[in-house]
Protein backbone atom coordinates (compact mmCIF):
# COMPACT_ATOMS: atom_id res chain seq x y z
CA MET A 1 24.92 6.66 -3.32
CA ARG A 2 24.08 3.43 -1.50
CA ARG A 3 22.29 0.63 -3.31
CA ALA A 4 19.31 0.82 -0.93
CA ASP A 5 18.94 4.54 -1.67
CA ARG A 6 19.04 3.87 -5.42
CA THR A 7 16.41 1.15 -5.07
CA LEU A 8 14.15 3.46 -3.08
CA GLY A 9 14.71 6.13 -5.73
CA VAL A 10 13.65 3.71 -8.46
CA ALA A 11 10.60 2.78 -6.38
CA ARG A 12 9.65 6.46 -6.03
CA GLY A 13 10.11 6.92 -9.77
CA LEU A 14 7.83 3.96 -10.39
CA GLY A 15 5.30 5.53 -8.04
CA TRP A 16 5.25 8.76 -10.04
CA PHE A 17 5.14 6.81 -13.31
CA SER A 18 2.19 4.84 -11.98
CA ILE A 19 0.29 8.00 -11.09
CA GLY A 20 1.01 9.57 -14.48
CA LEU A 21 -0.05 6.46 -16.39
CA GLY A 22 -3.16 6.14 -14.25
CA VAL A 23 -4.19 9.73 -14.95
CA VAL A 24 -3.84 9.13 -18.70
CA GLU A 25 -5.85 5.90 -18.46
CA LEU A 26 -8.58 7.65 -16.45
CA LEU A 27 -8.80 10.76 -18.62
CA ALA A 28 -8.47 9.18 -22.08
CA PRO A 29 -9.66 5.56 -21.97
CA ARG A 30 -11.42 5.84 -25.34
CA ALA A 31 -8.34 7.11 -27.16
CA LEU A 32 -6.16 4.43 -25.53
CA ALA A 33 -8.64 1.69 -26.40
CA ARG A 34 -8.74 2.87 -30.01
CA GLY A 35 -4.93 3.06 -30.24
CA LEU A 36 -4.40 -0.36 -28.67
CA GLY A 37 -7.09 -2.11 -30.69
CA LEU A 38 -9.18 -2.68 -27.55
CA ARG A 39 -12.43 -0.93 -28.49
CA GLY A 40 -15.17 -1.72 -26.01
CA GLN A 41 -12.68 -2.02 -23.14
CA GLU A 42 -12.78 1.65 -22.10
CA GLY A 43 -14.23 0.87 -18.67
CA LEU A 44 -11.54 -1.71 -18.02
CA ILE A 45 -8.82 0.75 -19.02
CA ALA A 46 -10.27 3.41 -16.71
CA GLY A 47 -10.36 0.82 -13.89
CA TYR A 48 -6.71 0.03 -14.57
CA GLY A 49 -6.03 3.76 -14.33
CA ALA A 50 -7.59 3.92 -10.87
CA ARG A 51 -5.49 0.91 -9.86
CA GLU A 52 -2.33 2.61 -11.13
CA ILE A 53 -3.06 5.82 -9.22
CA ALA A 54 -3.80 3.94 -5.99
CA THR A 55 -0.60 1.92 -6.34
CA GLY A 56 1.46 5.03 -7.08
CA ILE A 57 0.08 6.83 -4.04
CA GLY A 58 0.78 3.75 -1.92
CA ILE A 59 4.38 3.64 -3.13
CA LEU A 60 4.98 7.32 -2.44
CA ALA A 61 3.14 7.46 0.89
CA SER A 62 4.49 4.34 2.57
CA ARG A 63 7.68 3.96 4.53
CA ASP A 64 8.23 0.55 2.94
CA PRO A 65 7.07 0.48 -0.70
CA THR A 66 7.83 -3.24 -1.14
CA PRO A 67 4.23 -4.55 -1.09
CA TRP A 68 3.11 -1.74 -3.38
CA ILE A 69 5.83 -2.53 -5.91
CA TRP A 70 4.75 -6.17 -5.86
CA GLY A 71 1.24 -4.82 -6.47
CA ARG A 72 2.58 -3.12 -9.58
CA VAL A 73 4.01 -6.46 -10.73
CA ALA A 74 0.57 -8.06 -10.33
CA GLY A 75 -1.01 -5.14 -12.20
CA ASP A 76 1.55 -5.56 -14.97
CA ALA A 77 0.46 -9.19 -15.36
CA LEU A 78 -3.12 -7.99 -15.81
CA ASP A 79 -1.99 -5.38 -18.31
CA LEU A 80 0.02 -7.94 -20.29
CA GLY A 81 -2.96 -10.30 -20.42
CA THR A 82 -5.29 -7.53 -21.55
CA LEU A 83 -2.87 -6.31 -24.21
CA ALA A 84 -2.39 -9.86 -25.49
CA THR A 85 -6.11 -9.97 -26.35
CA GLY A 86 -5.60 -7.00 -28.67
CA LEU A 87 -2.67 -8.51 -30.61
CA GLY A 88 -4.75 -10.21 -33.29
CA ARG A 89 -6.75 -7.13 -34.16
CA ARG A 90 -5.87 -4.91 -37.09
CA ARG A 91 -4.33 -1.51 -36.70
CA GLY A 92 -3.80 -1.90 -33.00
CA GLY A 93 -0.70 -0.71 -31.20
CA ALA A 94 -1.00 -3.56 -28.72
CA GLY A 95 2.31 -5.09 -29.83
CA VAL A 96 4.28 -1.92 -29.11
CA ALA A 97 2.42 -1.43 -25.84
CA LEU A 98 3.04 -5.07 -24.93
CA ALA A 99 6.79 -4.60 -25.42
CA ALA A 100 6.74 -1.39 -23.35
CA VAL A 101 4.77 -3.01 -20.52
CA ALA A 102 7.12 -6.02 -20.58
CA GLY A 103 10.07 -3.66 -20.12
CA VAL A 104 8.40 -1.86 -17.22
CA THR A 105 7.44 -5.25 -15.76
CA LEU A 106 11.08 -6.27 -15.76
CA LEU A 107 11.99 -3.05 -13.93
CA ASP A 108 9.16 -3.61 -11.43
CA VAL A 109 10.27 -7.20 -10.73
CA LEU A 110 13.92 -6.19 -10.27
CA CYS A 111 12.94 -3.35 -7.93
CA ALA A 112 10.54 -5.56 -5.95
CA ARG A 113 13.16 -8.29 -5.55
CA ALA A 114 15.78 -5.77 -4.40
CA LEU A 115 13.37 -4.27 -1.88
CA SER A 116 12.33 -7.71 -0.64
CA SER A 117 15.94 -8.84 -0.12
CA ARG A 118 16.64 -5.63 1.80
CA ARG A 119 13.59 -6.28 3.94
CA GLU A 120 14.70 -9.86 4.71
CA ARG A 121 18.12 -8.68 5.91
CA GLN A 122 16.65 -6.38 8.55
CA PRO A 123 16.59 -7.91 12.04
CA VAL A 124 13.17 -8.79 13.39
CA ARG A 125 12.37 -7.04 16.65
CA SER A 126 11.23 -9.19 19.52
CA PHE A 127 8.83 -7.73 22.04
CA ALA A 128 8.48 -10.97 23.98
CA ASP A 129 10.01 -9.45 27.13
CA ARG A 130 7.57 -6.52 27.15
CA ARG A 131 4.27 -6.51 28.99
CA GLY A 132 3.22 -2.83 28.84
CA MET A 133 2.76 -2.44 32.58
CA PRO A 134 5.00 -0.34 34.85
CA LYS A 135 5.00 -2.92 37.68
CA THR A 136 4.18 -6.57 38.14
CA PRO A 137 0.49 -7.45 38.66
CA GLY A 138 1.19 -8.30 42.32
CA GLN A 139 2.71 -4.86 42.94
CA MET A 140 -0.20 -3.08 41.24
CA ARG A 141 -2.97 -5.06 42.94
CA GLY A 142 -4.95 -2.79 45.22
CA ALA A 143 -3.04 0.34 44.21
CA ALA A 144 -6.25 2.28 43.60
CA SER A 145 -8.29 0.78 46.45
CA ASP A 146 -7.81 3.85 48.66
CA PHE A 147 -8.91 6.30 45.94
CA GLU A 148 -11.95 8.35 46.81
CA VAL A 149 -13.91 10.58 44.48
CA PRO A 150 -13.85 14.11 45.93
CA LYS A 151 -17.26 15.35 47.13
CA ASP A 152 -17.02 18.50 44.99
CA PHE A 153 -17.04 16.43 41.78
CA ARG A 154 -20.40 16.71 40.07
CA ILE A 155 -21.25 13.04 40.09
CA PRO A 156 -24.74 11.88 41.08
CA GLU A 157 -24.68 9.91 44.29
CA ALA A 158 -25.97 6.80 42.49
CA LEU A 159 -22.87 6.83 40.25
CA ARG A 160 -20.36 7.30 43.06
CA PRO A 161 -18.25 4.25 43.90
CA TRP A 162 -19.79 1.93 46.46
CA THR A 163 -17.80 1.61 49.65
CA SER A 164 -18.26 -0.64 52.63
CA ALA A 165 -18.00 2.34 55.00
CA ALA A 166 -21.49 3.60 54.17
């Protein structure tokens, strides 16, 4: 298996992980807040769940998941900051969660860097020689000047093209 295929496979796995984590955060924010020592932060946890689901869908739906993986890295930074606020509280599992998120963050950063380096190696297409027209402007000038709307078209006379012959 090629390295690029493995990296894309890891990215897809992270997409599914993101969706799964997001569903848990959306469906059980109160239980997570209690377990992490973050009581009162249920709305924030649910918001993080929505972010995780959106990022996961973006990773799985896009042809190039690189920006979405970098989005996961940014989300991990938010998660780490939020979990750090729960470290000083008693009976919170924030320390364990912090270690787990740090591990996933490392995987996200490695995957994002691998995808970014792959993206940089691809040649950039130049469309500078394209103009989108079949002929030069000089060749096309006046090409439709002899067009006449057929009389059997149902167009009011006031909307018919004006001609100098009338």
